[in-house]
Amino acid sequence: MIGGTAAFAVPPKMSSRAPLDHLSLYQAFVDCFSLAAQTLEWPSQNQPKLVEEYPAQREGEFDTSFDIILMSLAGSHVSSTSNRRDQRPKGIEEVSRIPYPGLTGYLQVRSKWEEDVQVRFDVLSKSNRKANELAMWWHRTLVVYAQSLKFFMARGVNDFRFAERLADQTTKEYGQTLYCRPLLYTLRLELDILTKCKTLDQINMRLGSSKIEIDG
């Protein structure tokens, strides 16, 4: 049974880490899950696991000895720049350009690009009741950590919203009948893009018989 009244472990609200990208997003959810799992009242050997792919044993068979929250990216698109969400930028936005550290003649250009990403969690269990309990616990965890504790905002997620819970499902994809509770969330990632650009040294131009040189 999942503790419904147990206190949430309080995560750090500030972080020195770089903003999240698609690859580091999974680790942020793992960190959230690990902190929140401290409140679970299940025996440690039966506690659920958050994974990107269903774990298999060495013989190639799926390991169904514990419950799984399977994370995947359901899609993404460029973020809107208006409150009505009807305007979208045509390209990346340059933020700054400075001399490239330790490299003469080059600039370090920092740009940003915002995407709305939809994340899907398939809560899987051999028990219908346990699937429901785990889905409710994980949903409550994400809402509290995102909205109250600002856990994901401290990691570069500017907007975190619950999208929907899809219809309850059953699946035999992993070797036996499992009950599945799909949850969808939408979040905005601000992607930090660093590029190295060579500065302009000199341009040679010829107008008629005249040669013009422009120094960078």
N, C-alpha and C. Protein backbone atom coordinates (compact mmCIF):
# COMPACT_ATOMS: atom_id res chain seq x y z
N MET A 1 0.86 -1.19 0.00
CA MET A 1 0.00 0.00 0.00
C MET A 1 0.89 1.24 0.00
N ILE A 2 0.53 2.20 -0.80
CA ILE A 2 1.31 3.43 -0.88
C ILE A 2 0.80 4.40 0.17
N GLY A 3 1.73 4.99 0.89
CA GLY A 3 1.35 5.93 1.95
C GLY A 3 0.76 7.20 1.38
N GLY A 4 -0.52 7.43 1.62
CA GLY A 4 -1.18 8.60 1.06
C GLY A 4 -0.91 9.86 1.86
N THR A 5 -0.55 9.73 3.14
CA THR A 5 -0.35 10.92 3.97
C THR A 5 1.10 11.13 4.36
N ALA A 6 1.99 10.27 3.86
CA ALA A 6 3.40 10.40 4.22
C ALA A 6 3.96 11.70 3.66
N ALA A 7 4.85 12.33 4.42
CA ALA A 7 5.44 13.60 3.99
C ALA A 7 6.36 13.37 2.81
N PHE A 8 6.35 14.34 1.89
CA PHE A 8 7.25 14.26 0.75
C PHE A 8 8.66 14.64 1.18
N ALA A 9 9.64 13.90 0.68
CA ALA A 9 11.02 14.30 0.92
C ALA A 9 11.26 15.62 0.19
N VAL A 10 11.86 16.57 0.86
CA VAL A 10 12.02 17.91 0.29
C VAL A 10 13.29 17.95 -0.55
N PRO A 11 13.17 18.21 -1.86
CA PRO A 11 14.34 18.27 -2.74
C PRO A 11 14.96 19.65 -2.70
N PRO A 12 16.18 19.79 -3.21
CA PRO A 12 16.77 21.12 -3.32
C PRO A 12 15.99 21.95 -4.32
N LYS A 13 15.77 23.25 -3.98
CA LYS A 13 14.97 24.10 -4.86
C LYS A 13 15.82 24.86 -5.86
N MET A 14 17.12 24.90 -5.66
CA MET A 14 17.99 25.59 -6.59
C MET A 14 19.04 24.62 -7.10
N SER A 15 19.51 24.86 -8.29
CA SER A 15 20.48 23.95 -8.88
C SER A 15 21.47 24.75 -9.71
N SER A 16 22.72 24.32 -9.69
CA SER A 16 23.75 24.95 -10.52
C SER A 16 23.89 24.23 -11.85
N ARG A 17 23.06 23.22 -12.09
CA ARG A 17 23.15 22.44 -13.31
C ARG A 17 22.64 23.23 -14.51
N ALA A 18 23.14 22.85 -15.69
CA ALA A 18 22.68 23.50 -16.91
C ALA A 18 21.24 23.12 -17.19
N PRO A 19 20.50 23.96 -17.96
CA PRO A 19 19.13 23.61 -18.29
C PRO A 19 19.03 22.24 -18.93
N LEU A 20 17.91 21.57 -18.71
CA LEU A 20 17.73 20.22 -19.21
C LEU A 20 17.60 20.20 -20.73
N ASP A 21 18.05 19.10 -21.32
CA ASP A 21 17.75 18.83 -22.71
C ASP A 21 17.04 17.48 -22.76
N HIS A 22 16.81 16.97 -23.96
CA HIS A 22 16.07 15.72 -24.09
C HIS A 22 16.79 14.55 -23.41
N LEU A 23 18.12 14.57 -23.43
CA LEU A 23 18.88 13.45 -22.87
C LEU A 23 18.91 13.50 -21.35
N SER A 24 19.00 14.69 -20.78
CA SER A 24 19.09 14.80 -19.32
C SER A 24 17.72 14.85 -18.65
N LEU A 25 16.65 14.93 -19.43
CA LEU A 25 15.31 14.99 -18.87
C LEU A 25 14.99 13.73 -18.07
N TYR A 26 15.37 12.58 -18.60
CA TYR A 26 15.09 11.33 -17.90
C TYR A 26 15.72 11.31 -16.52
N GLN A 27 16.96 11.78 -16.40
CA GLN A 27 17.65 11.77 -15.11
C GLN A 27 16.94 12.65 -14.10
N ALA A 28 16.34 13.76 -14.55
CA ALA A 28 15.60 14.62 -13.64
C ALA A 28 14.41 13.88 -13.05
N PHE A 29 13.71 13.10 -13.87
CA PHE A 29 12.59 12.32 -13.36
C PHE A 29 13.07 11.20 -12.43
N VAL A 30 14.23 10.62 -12.73
CA VAL A 30 14.80 9.60 -11.84
C VAL A 30 15.10 10.21 -10.48
N ASP A 31 15.68 11.41 -10.46
CA ASP A 31 15.98 12.09 -9.19
C ASP A 31 14.70 12.36 -8.41
N CYS A 32 13.67 12.83 -9.10
CA CYS A 32 12.39 13.08 -8.46
C CYS A 32 11.82 11.79 -7.89
N PHE A 33 11.86 10.73 -8.68
CA PHE A 33 11.33 9.44 -8.24
C PHE A 33 12.08 8.92 -7.02
N SER A 34 13.40 9.02 -7.03
CA SER A 34 14.21 8.50 -5.93
C SER A 34 13.90 9.22 -4.63
N LEU A 35 13.73 10.54 -4.69
CA LEU A 35 13.39 11.30 -3.49
C LEU A 35 12.00 10.93 -2.98
N ALA A 36 11.04 10.86 -3.89
CA ALA A 36 9.67 10.58 -3.48
C ALA A 36 9.49 9.15 -3.02
N ALA A 37 10.29 8.21 -3.56
CA ALA A 37 10.15 6.79 -3.20
C ALA A 37 10.48 6.54 -1.74
N GLN A 38 11.15 7.49 -1.09
CA GLN A 38 11.45 7.34 0.33
C GLN A 38 10.18 7.34 1.18
N THR A 39 9.06 7.81 0.60
CA THR A 39 7.80 7.86 1.34
C THR A 39 6.96 6.60 1.14
N LEU A 40 7.40 5.70 0.26
CA LEU A 40 6.61 4.50 -0.02
C LEU A 40 6.63 3.55 1.18
N GLU A 41 5.51 2.88 1.39
CA GLU A 41 5.38 1.93 2.49
C GLU A 41 5.49 0.49 2.02
N TRP A 42 5.85 0.28 0.76
CA TRP A 42 6.04 -1.08 0.26
C TRP A 42 7.39 -1.61 0.72
N PRO A 43 7.53 -2.93 0.84
CA PRO A 43 8.85 -3.52 1.12
C PRO A 43 9.84 -3.12 0.03
N SER A 44 11.09 -2.88 0.44
CA SER A 44 12.09 -2.37 -0.51
C SER A 44 12.26 -3.27 -1.73
N GLN A 45 12.14 -4.61 -1.54
CA GLN A 45 12.35 -5.50 -2.66
C GLN A 45 11.20 -5.46 -3.67
N ASN A 46 10.05 -4.88 -3.25
CA ASN A 46 8.90 -4.80 -4.14
C ASN A 46 8.62 -3.38 -4.62
N GLN A 47 9.51 -2.45 -4.29
CA GLN A 47 9.26 -1.08 -4.70
C GLN A 47 9.35 -0.95 -6.22
N PRO A 48 8.53 -0.08 -6.81
CA PRO A 48 8.54 0.10 -8.27
C PRO A 48 9.82 0.75 -8.75
N LYS A 49 10.03 0.69 -10.04
CA LYS A 49 11.22 1.28 -10.66
C LYS A 49 10.78 2.16 -11.83
N LEU A 50 11.47 3.29 -12.00
CA LEU A 50 11.25 4.18 -13.14
C LEU A 50 12.32 3.87 -14.17
N VAL A 51 11.92 3.52 -15.39
CA VAL A 51 12.87 3.09 -16.42
C VAL A 51 12.47 3.69 -17.76
N GLU A 52 13.44 3.66 -18.70
CA GLU A 52 13.17 4.06 -20.08
C GLU A 52 12.86 2.86 -20.96
N GLU A 53 13.24 1.68 -20.54
CA GLU A 53 12.89 0.47 -21.26
C GLU A 53 12.66 -0.65 -20.26
N TYR A 54 11.77 -1.56 -20.60
CA TYR A 54 11.41 -2.60 -19.66
C TYR A 54 12.61 -3.51 -19.42
N PRO A 55 12.97 -3.77 -18.14
CA PRO A 55 14.18 -4.56 -17.86
C PRO A 55 14.01 -6.03 -18.24
N ALA A 56 15.05 -6.60 -18.80
CA ALA A 56 15.05 -8.01 -19.18
C ALA A 56 16.12 -8.75 -18.41
N GLN A 57 15.88 -10.03 -18.15
CA GLN A 57 16.88 -10.86 -17.51
C GLN A 57 17.91 -11.30 -18.54
N ARG A 58 18.94 -12.00 -18.08
CA ARG A 58 20.01 -12.42 -18.99
C ARG A 58 19.51 -13.37 -20.07
N GLU A 59 18.51 -14.19 -19.72
CA GLU A 59 18.00 -15.15 -20.69
C GLU A 59 17.14 -14.48 -21.75
N GLY A 60 16.98 -13.17 -21.67
CA GLY A 60 16.20 -12.45 -22.66
C GLY A 60 14.74 -12.31 -22.29
N GLU A 61 14.31 -12.88 -21.16
CA GLU A 61 12.93 -12.76 -20.73
C GLU A 61 12.77 -11.51 -19.86
N PHE A 62 11.59 -10.91 -19.94
CA PHE A 62 11.33 -9.70 -19.16
C PHE A 62 11.22 -10.04 -17.68
N ASP A 63 11.78 -9.16 -16.86
CA ASP A 63 11.73 -9.32 -15.41
C ASP A 63 10.47 -8.66 -14.88
N THR A 64 9.49 -9.46 -14.47
CA THR A 64 8.22 -8.92 -13.98
C THR A 64 8.09 -9.10 -12.48
N SER A 65 9.22 -9.11 -11.77
CA SER A 65 9.19 -9.31 -10.32
C SER A 65 8.87 -8.03 -9.56
N PHE A 66 8.78 -6.91 -10.25
CA PHE A 66 8.47 -5.65 -9.59
C PHE A 66 7.65 -4.78 -10.55
N ASP A 67 7.04 -3.73 -10.01
CA ASP A 67 6.22 -2.83 -10.82
C ASP A 67 7.10 -1.79 -11.52
N ILE A 68 6.63 -1.34 -12.67
CA ILE A 68 7.42 -0.48 -13.54
C ILE A 68 6.65 0.79 -13.89
N ILE A 69 7.36 1.91 -13.88
CA ILE A 69 6.87 3.14 -14.51
C ILE A 69 7.76 3.38 -15.72
N LEU A 70 7.20 3.19 -16.88
CA LEU A 70 7.96 3.26 -18.13
C LEU A 70 7.81 4.65 -18.74
N MET A 71 8.94 5.37 -18.85
CA MET A 71 8.92 6.73 -19.37
C MET A 71 9.30 6.76 -20.84
N SER A 72 8.61 7.60 -21.62
CA SER A 72 8.95 7.80 -23.03
C SER A 72 8.54 9.21 -23.44
N LEU A 73 9.14 9.70 -24.52
CA LEU A 73 8.76 11.00 -25.08
C LEU A 73 7.69 10.76 -26.14
N ALA A 74 6.52 11.36 -25.92
CA ALA A 74 5.40 11.16 -26.85
C ALA A 74 5.46 12.12 -28.02
N GLY A 75 6.28 13.16 -27.93
CA GLY A 75 6.40 14.12 -29.02
C GLY A 75 6.86 15.47 -28.51
N SER A 76 7.19 16.38 -29.43
CA SER A 76 7.60 17.73 -29.06
C SER A 76 7.39 18.66 -30.25
N HIS A 77 7.29 19.96 -29.95
CA HIS A 77 7.19 20.96 -31.01
C HIS A 77 7.71 22.28 -30.46
N VAL A 78 8.02 23.20 -31.35
CA VAL A 78 8.56 24.49 -30.94
C VAL A 78 7.53 25.22 -30.10
N SER A 79 7.99 25.88 -29.04
CA SER A 79 7.08 26.55 -28.11
C SER A 79 6.50 27.82 -28.71
N SER A 80 5.30 28.16 -28.26
CA SER A 80 4.66 29.39 -28.67
C SER A 80 5.26 30.57 -27.91
N THR A 81 5.21 31.74 -28.52
CA THR A 81 5.74 32.94 -27.87
C THR A 81 4.62 33.86 -27.38
N SER A 82 3.37 33.42 -27.47
CA SER A 82 2.26 34.24 -27.01
C SER A 82 1.44 33.47 -25.98
N ASN A 83 0.71 34.22 -25.16
CA ASN A 83 -0.13 33.59 -24.15
C ASN A 83 -1.23 32.74 -24.78
N ARG A 84 -1.66 33.10 -25.98
CA ARG A 84 -2.71 32.33 -26.65
C ARG A 84 -2.14 31.11 -27.38
N ARG A 85 -0.81 30.97 -27.34
CA ARG A 85 -0.12 29.82 -27.93
C ARG A 85 -0.37 29.70 -29.44
N ASP A 86 -0.52 30.88 -30.11
CA ASP A 86 -0.79 30.85 -31.55
C ASP A 86 0.35 31.46 -32.36
N GLN A 87 1.47 31.81 -31.72
CA GLN A 87 2.61 32.36 -32.43
C GLN A 87 3.85 31.53 -32.10
N ARG A 88 4.64 31.24 -33.10
CA ARG A 88 5.83 30.42 -32.89
C ARG A 88 7.03 31.09 -33.56
N PRO A 89 8.19 31.06 -32.92
CA PRO A 89 9.39 31.67 -33.52
C PRO A 89 9.84 30.90 -34.76
N LYS A 90 10.52 31.60 -35.64
CA LYS A 90 11.00 30.97 -36.88
C LYS A 90 12.38 30.35 -36.73
N GLY A 91 13.07 30.68 -35.65
CA GLY A 91 14.41 30.14 -35.47
C GLY A 91 14.89 30.33 -34.04
N ILE A 92 16.16 30.01 -33.82
CA ILE A 92 16.71 30.16 -32.48
C ILE A 92 16.96 31.63 -32.18
N GLU A 93 17.00 31.97 -30.89
CA GLU A 93 17.19 33.35 -30.45
C GLU A 93 18.58 33.49 -29.85
N GLU A 94 19.36 34.41 -30.42
CA GLU A 94 20.70 34.64 -29.89
C GLU A 94 20.62 35.41 -28.59
N VAL A 95 21.35 34.95 -27.59
CA VAL A 95 21.33 35.56 -26.26
C VAL A 95 22.57 36.41 -26.02
N SER A 96 23.74 35.89 -26.41
CA SER A 96 24.98 36.62 -26.16
C SER A 96 26.07 36.11 -27.09
N ARG A 97 27.10 36.93 -27.25
CA ARG A 97 28.33 36.51 -27.94
C ARG A 97 29.51 37.17 -27.25
N ILE A 98 30.49 36.35 -26.88
CA ILE A 98 31.67 36.82 -26.16
C ILE A 98 32.91 36.19 -26.79
N PRO A 99 34.10 36.77 -26.55
CA PRO A 99 35.32 36.13 -27.04
C PRO A 99 35.43 34.70 -26.52
N TYR A 100 35.77 33.79 -27.40
CA TYR A 100 35.85 32.39 -27.01
C TYR A 100 37.00 32.20 -26.02
N PRO A 101 36.74 31.60 -24.86
CA PRO A 101 37.78 31.47 -23.84
C PRO A 101 39.00 30.70 -24.34
N GLY A 102 40.16 31.36 -24.27
CA GLY A 102 41.41 30.70 -24.62
C GLY A 102 41.65 30.49 -26.09
N LEU A 103 40.84 31.13 -26.96
CA LEU A 103 41.00 30.91 -28.40
C LEU A 103 40.84 32.24 -29.13
N THR A 104 41.96 32.79 -29.58
CA THR A 104 41.95 34.08 -30.26
C THR A 104 41.30 33.97 -31.63
N GLY A 105 40.51 34.99 -31.95
CA GLY A 105 39.90 35.03 -33.27
C GLY A 105 38.57 34.30 -33.38
N TYR A 106 38.02 33.85 -32.25
CA TYR A 106 36.75 33.14 -32.27
C TYR A 106 35.80 33.74 -31.23
N LEU A 107 34.53 33.59 -31.49
CA LEU A 107 33.50 34.03 -30.57
C LEU A 107 32.71 32.82 -30.06
N GLN A 108 32.25 32.94 -28.82
CA GLN A 108 31.32 31.95 -28.29
C GLN A 108 29.92 32.56 -28.32
N VAL A 109 29.06 31.97 -29.14
CA VAL A 109 27.70 32.49 -29.31
C VAL A 109 26.74 31.57 -28.56
N ARG A 110 25.97 32.18 -27.68
CA ARG A 110 24.96 31.43 -26.91
C ARG A 110 23.57 31.77 -27.45
N SER A 111 22.83 30.74 -27.79
CA SER A 111 21.46 30.90 -28.28
C SER A 111 20.53 30.01 -27.48
N LYS A 112 19.24 30.27 -27.60
CA LYS A 112 18.27 29.42 -26.91
C LYS A 112 17.15 29.03 -27.87
N TRP A 113 16.55 27.91 -27.54
CA TRP A 113 15.48 27.35 -28.36
C TRP A 113 14.52 26.66 -27.40
N GLU A 114 13.25 27.02 -27.43
CA GLU A 114 12.28 26.45 -26.50
C GLU A 114 11.37 25.46 -27.21
N GLU A 115 11.17 24.32 -26.56
CA GLU A 115 10.29 23.28 -27.09
C GLU A 115 9.29 22.85 -26.03
N ASP A 116 8.07 22.59 -26.46
CA ASP A 116 7.08 21.94 -25.61
C ASP A 116 7.16 20.45 -25.84
N VAL A 117 7.50 19.72 -24.78
CA VAL A 117 7.73 18.28 -24.87
C VAL A 117 6.62 17.55 -24.13
N GLN A 118 6.09 16.51 -24.74
CA GLN A 118 5.09 15.69 -24.06
C GLN A 118 5.75 14.39 -23.60
N VAL A 119 5.66 14.16 -22.29
CA VAL A 119 6.27 12.98 -21.67
C VAL A 119 5.16 12.02 -21.27
N ARG A 120 5.37 10.74 -21.57
CA ARG A 120 4.37 9.71 -21.25
C ARG A 120 4.95 8.75 -20.22
N PHE A 121 4.14 8.42 -19.23
CA PHE A 121 4.50 7.40 -18.25
C PHE A 121 3.46 6.28 -18.31
N ASP A 122 3.91 5.08 -18.58
CA ASP A 122 3.04 3.90 -18.53
C ASP A 122 3.31 3.19 -17.21
N VAL A 123 2.34 3.26 -16.30
CA VAL A 123 2.46 2.61 -15.00
C VAL A 123 1.98 1.16 -15.16
N LEU A 124 2.88 0.20 -14.93
CA LEU A 124 2.61 -1.21 -15.21
C LEU A 124 2.69 -2.03 -13.94
N SER A 125 1.69 -2.90 -13.74
CA SER A 125 1.68 -3.78 -12.57
C SER A 125 0.90 -5.04 -12.91
N LYS A 126 1.22 -6.12 -12.20
CA LYS A 126 0.48 -7.37 -12.36
C LYS A 126 -0.87 -7.32 -11.67
N SER A 127 -1.09 -6.32 -10.82
CA SER A 127 -2.33 -6.16 -10.07
C SER A 127 -3.05 -4.91 -10.52
N ASN A 128 -4.34 -5.02 -10.79
CA ASN A 128 -5.14 -3.87 -11.19
C ASN A 128 -5.14 -2.81 -10.09
N ARG A 129 -5.33 -3.24 -8.84
CA ARG A 129 -5.38 -2.29 -7.73
C ARG A 129 -4.03 -1.61 -7.53
N LYS A 130 -2.97 -2.37 -7.63
CA LYS A 130 -1.64 -1.78 -7.43
C LYS A 130 -1.30 -0.80 -8.54
N ALA A 131 -1.74 -1.11 -9.77
CA ALA A 131 -1.52 -0.18 -10.89
C ALA A 131 -2.22 1.14 -10.62
N ASN A 132 -3.44 1.08 -10.10
CA ASN A 132 -4.18 2.30 -9.78
C ASN A 132 -3.50 3.08 -8.66
N GLU A 133 -3.06 2.38 -7.61
CA GLU A 133 -2.41 3.05 -6.49
C GLU A 133 -1.11 3.72 -6.92
N LEU A 134 -0.33 2.99 -7.71
CA LEU A 134 0.96 3.53 -8.15
C LEU A 134 0.76 4.72 -9.09
N ALA A 135 -0.23 4.65 -9.98
CA ALA A 135 -0.51 5.76 -10.88
C ALA A 135 -0.94 7.01 -10.10
N MET A 136 -1.77 6.82 -9.08
CA MET A 136 -2.20 7.95 -8.26
C MET A 136 -1.03 8.55 -7.50
N TRP A 137 -0.16 7.68 -6.96
CA TRP A 137 1.00 8.18 -6.21
C TRP A 137 1.95 8.95 -7.13
N TRP A 138 2.25 8.42 -8.31
CA TRP A 138 3.19 9.07 -9.22
C TRP A 138 2.63 10.39 -9.74
N HIS A 139 1.34 10.41 -10.03
CA HIS A 139 0.72 11.64 -10.49
C HIS A 139 0.77 12.71 -9.39
N ARG A 140 0.42 12.33 -8.17
CA ARG A 140 0.48 13.28 -7.06
C ARG A 140 1.91 13.77 -6.84
N THR A 141 2.86 12.87 -6.94
CA THR A 141 4.27 13.23 -6.78
C THR A 141 4.69 14.28 -7.79
N LEU A 142 4.37 14.06 -9.06
CA LEU A 142 4.78 15.00 -10.11
C LEU A 142 4.11 16.36 -9.93
N VAL A 143 2.85 16.37 -9.55
CA VAL A 143 2.15 17.64 -9.35
C VAL A 143 2.79 18.42 -8.20
N VAL A 144 3.06 17.74 -7.08
CA VAL A 144 3.65 18.42 -5.92
C VAL A 144 5.06 18.90 -6.23
N TYR A 145 5.88 18.04 -6.81
CA TYR A 145 7.26 18.41 -7.09
C TYR A 145 7.34 19.51 -8.14
N ALA A 146 6.47 19.49 -9.13
CA ALA A 146 6.52 20.50 -10.19
C ALA A 146 5.92 21.82 -9.74
N GLN A 147 4.73 21.78 -9.11
CA GLN A 147 4.01 23.01 -8.81
C GLN A 147 4.37 23.61 -7.46
N SER A 148 4.51 22.78 -6.43
CA SER A 148 4.76 23.30 -5.09
C SER A 148 6.25 23.45 -4.78
N LEU A 149 7.02 22.41 -5.07
CA LEU A 149 8.44 22.41 -4.71
C LEU A 149 9.34 22.99 -5.80
N LYS A 150 8.77 23.25 -6.99
CA LYS A 150 9.53 23.84 -8.11
C LYS A 150 10.77 23.01 -8.44
N PHE A 151 10.66 21.71 -8.28
CA PHE A 151 11.79 20.81 -8.49
C PHE A 151 12.28 20.88 -9.94
N PHE A 152 11.36 20.86 -10.88
CA PHE A 152 11.76 20.85 -12.29
C PHE A 152 12.12 22.24 -12.79
N MET A 153 11.52 23.27 -12.23
CA MET A 153 11.88 24.64 -12.61
C MET A 153 13.34 24.92 -12.26
N ALA A 154 13.81 24.37 -11.13
CA ALA A 154 15.20 24.56 -10.74
C ALA A 154 16.15 23.85 -11.69
N ARG A 155 15.62 23.00 -12.55
CA ARG A 155 16.43 22.25 -13.51
C ARG A 155 16.17 22.68 -14.94
N GLY A 156 15.60 23.86 -15.13
CA GLY A 156 15.48 24.40 -16.48
C GLY A 156 14.15 24.15 -17.16
N VAL A 157 13.16 23.59 -16.45
CA VAL A 157 11.83 23.38 -17.04
C VAL A 157 10.96 24.58 -16.67
N ASN A 158 10.55 25.37 -17.67
CA ASN A 158 9.83 26.60 -17.40
C ASN A 158 8.33 26.40 -17.21
N ASP A 159 7.79 25.33 -17.74
CA ASP A 159 6.34 25.12 -17.66
C ASP A 159 6.10 23.62 -17.56
N PHE A 160 5.35 23.20 -16.56
CA PHE A 160 5.08 21.77 -16.34
C PHE A 160 3.58 21.62 -16.11
N ARG A 161 2.91 20.88 -16.99
CA ARG A 161 1.47 20.77 -16.91
C ARG A 161 1.04 19.31 -17.07
N PHE A 162 0.02 18.94 -16.33
CA PHE A 162 -0.62 17.65 -16.53
C PHE A 162 -1.50 17.75 -17.76
N ALA A 163 -1.30 16.83 -18.71
CA ALA A 163 -2.08 16.85 -19.95
C ALA A 163 -3.33 15.99 -19.83
N GLU A 164 -3.15 14.68 -19.57
CA GLU A 164 -4.31 13.80 -19.42
C GLU A 164 -3.88 12.42 -18.96
N ARG A 165 -4.85 11.71 -18.40
CA ARG A 165 -4.68 10.29 -18.14
C ARG A 165 -5.50 9.54 -19.18
N LEU A 166 -4.82 8.68 -19.93
CA LEU A 166 -5.50 7.94 -20.98
C LEU A 166 -6.30 6.77 -20.37
N ALA A 167 -7.09 6.13 -21.20
CA ALA A 167 -7.92 5.02 -20.74
C ALA A 167 -7.06 3.88 -20.19
N ASP A 168 -7.56 3.23 -19.14
CA ASP A 168 -6.87 2.08 -18.56
C ASP A 168 -6.70 1.00 -19.62
N GLN A 169 -5.55 0.33 -19.56
CA GLN A 169 -5.23 -0.68 -20.56
C GLN A 169 -4.68 -1.93 -19.89
N THR A 170 -4.67 -3.03 -20.64
CA THR A 170 -3.92 -4.23 -20.26
C THR A 170 -3.02 -4.58 -21.43
N THR A 171 -1.87 -5.16 -21.13
CA THR A 171 -0.92 -5.52 -22.18
C THR A 171 -0.26 -6.85 -21.86
N LYS A 172 0.07 -7.59 -22.90
CA LYS A 172 0.83 -8.83 -22.76
C LYS A 172 2.19 -8.69 -23.46
N GLU A 173 2.57 -7.44 -23.70
CA GLU A 173 3.81 -7.16 -24.45
C GLU A 173 5.05 -7.63 -23.72
N TYR A 174 4.98 -7.72 -22.39
CA TYR A 174 6.17 -8.03 -21.59
C TYR A 174 6.12 -9.43 -20.98
N GLY A 175 5.46 -10.36 -21.66
CA GLY A 175 5.54 -11.76 -21.25
C GLY A 175 4.39 -12.27 -20.43
N GLN A 176 3.57 -11.38 -19.85
CA GLN A 176 2.38 -11.79 -19.11
C GLN A 176 1.43 -10.61 -19.05
N THR A 177 0.22 -10.85 -18.58
CA THR A 177 -0.77 -9.79 -18.53
C THR A 177 -0.40 -8.76 -17.48
N LEU A 178 -0.29 -7.50 -17.90
CA LEU A 178 0.01 -6.40 -17.00
C LEU A 178 -1.06 -5.32 -17.17
N TYR A 179 -1.39 -4.67 -16.06
CA TYR A 179 -2.33 -3.56 -16.09
C TYR A 179 -1.54 -2.26 -16.30
N CYS A 180 -2.02 -1.45 -17.23
CA CYS A 180 -1.29 -0.24 -17.63
C CYS A 180 -2.14 0.99 -17.39
N ARG A 181 -1.52 2.02 -16.79
CA ARG A 181 -2.18 3.29 -16.56
C ARG A 181 -1.34 4.39 -17.21
N PRO A 182 -1.69 4.85 -18.42
CA PRO A 182 -0.90 5.86 -19.13
C PRO A 182 -1.19 7.27 -18.62
N LEU A 183 -0.12 8.02 -18.34
CA LEU A 183 -0.21 9.41 -17.90
C LEU A 183 0.60 10.29 -18.84
N LEU A 184 0.06 11.45 -19.21
CA LEU A 184 0.74 12.36 -20.12
C LEU A 184 0.94 13.72 -19.45
N TYR A 185 2.14 14.28 -19.63
CA TYR A 185 2.48 15.60 -19.09
C TYR A 185 3.17 16.41 -20.18
N THR A 186 2.94 17.71 -20.16
CA THR A 186 3.59 18.61 -21.12
C THR A 186 4.50 19.57 -20.36
N LEU A 187 5.73 19.70 -20.82
CA LEU A 187 6.66 20.62 -20.18
C LEU A 187 7.47 21.36 -21.23
N ARG A 188 7.94 22.52 -20.84
CA ARG A 188 8.70 23.37 -21.76
C ARG A 188 10.17 23.33 -21.41
N LEU A 189 10.98 22.96 -22.39
CA LEU A 189 12.43 22.94 -22.22
C LEU A 189 13.05 24.13 -22.93
N GLU A 190 13.96 24.80 -22.24
CA GLU A 190 14.74 25.86 -22.87
C GLU A 190 16.12 25.29 -23.19
N LEU A 191 16.34 24.99 -24.45
CA LEU A 191 17.59 24.35 -24.86
C LEU A 191 18.68 25.40 -25.02
N ASP A 192 19.80 25.16 -24.37
CA ASP A 192 20.94 26.08 -24.40
C ASP A 192 21.88 25.61 -25.50
N ILE A 193 22.13 26.49 -26.49
CA ILE A 193 22.94 26.12 -27.65
C ILE A 193 24.18 26.99 -27.68
N LEU A 194 25.35 26.36 -27.63
CA LEU A 194 26.63 27.07 -27.71
C LEU A 194 27.31 26.74 -29.04
N THR A 195 27.74 27.77 -29.74
CA THR A 195 28.45 27.57 -31.00
C THR A 195 29.73 28.40 -31.00
N LYS A 196 30.72 27.93 -31.75
CA LYS A 196 32.00 28.63 -31.89
C LYS A 196 32.07 29.23 -33.29
N CYS A 197 32.26 30.54 -33.36
CA CYS A 197 32.27 31.23 -34.65
C CYS A 197 33.60 31.98 -34.82
N LYS A 198 34.14 31.88 -36.01
CA LYS A 198 35.39 32.61 -36.30
C LYS A 198 35.06 34.07 -36.59
N THR A 199 35.85 34.97 -36.02
CA THR A 199 35.64 36.39 -36.27
C THR A 199 36.15 36.75 -37.66
N LEU A 200 35.61 37.83 -38.19
CA LEU A 200 35.99 38.29 -39.52
C LEU A 200 37.36 38.96 -39.46
N ASP A 201 38.31 38.44 -40.24
CA ASP A 201 39.65 39.04 -40.27
C ASP A 201 39.72 40.17 -41.30
N GLN A 202 39.40 39.84 -42.54
CA GLN A 202 39.54 40.85 -43.59
C GLN A 202 38.71 40.44 -44.80
N ILE A 203 38.08 41.43 -45.43
CA ILE A 203 37.33 41.20 -46.67
C ILE A 203 38.00 42.01 -47.78
N ASN A 204 38.31 41.34 -48.86
CA ASN A 204 38.87 42.01 -50.04
C ASN A 204 37.77 42.17 -51.08
N MET A 205 37.53 43.41 -51.49
CA MET A 205 36.51 43.68 -52.50
C MET A 205 37.14 44.48 -53.63
N ARG A 206 36.66 44.26 -54.85
CA ARG A 206 37.16 45.02 -56.01
C ARG A 206 35.97 45.66 -56.71
N LEU A 207 35.99 46.99 -56.75
CA LEU A 207 34.98 47.75 -57.47
C LEU A 207 35.65 48.41 -58.65
N GLY A 208 35.43 47.87 -59.83
CA GLY A 208 36.10 48.38 -61.03
C GLY A 208 37.59 48.11 -60.90
N SER A 209 38.37 49.17 -60.96
CA SER A 209 39.83 49.05 -60.88
C SER A 209 40.32 49.26 -59.46
N SER A 210 39.39 49.54 -58.53
CA SER A 210 39.79 49.85 -57.16
C SER A 210 39.63 48.60 -56.27
N LYS A 211 40.59 48.39 -55.38
CA LYS A 211 40.55 47.29 -54.43
C LYS A 211 40.30 47.86 -53.04
N ILE A 212 39.30 47.32 -52.36
CA ILE A 212 38.92 47.79 -51.03
C ILE A 212 39.15 46.66 -50.04
N GLU A 213 39.80 46.96 -48.96
CA GLU A 213 40.01 45.99 -47.89
C GLU A 213 39.29 46.45 -46.63
N ILE A 214 38.51 45.55 -46.04
CA ILE A 214 37.78 45.85 -44.81
C ILE A 214 38.27 44.91 -43.72
N ASP A 215 38.82 45.50 -42.68
CA ASP A 215 39.30 44.70 -41.55
C ASP A 215 38.14 44.41 -40.61
N GLY A 216 38.13 43.14 -40.04
CA GLY A 216 37.10 42.77 -39.07
C GLY A 216 37.45 43.29 -37.70
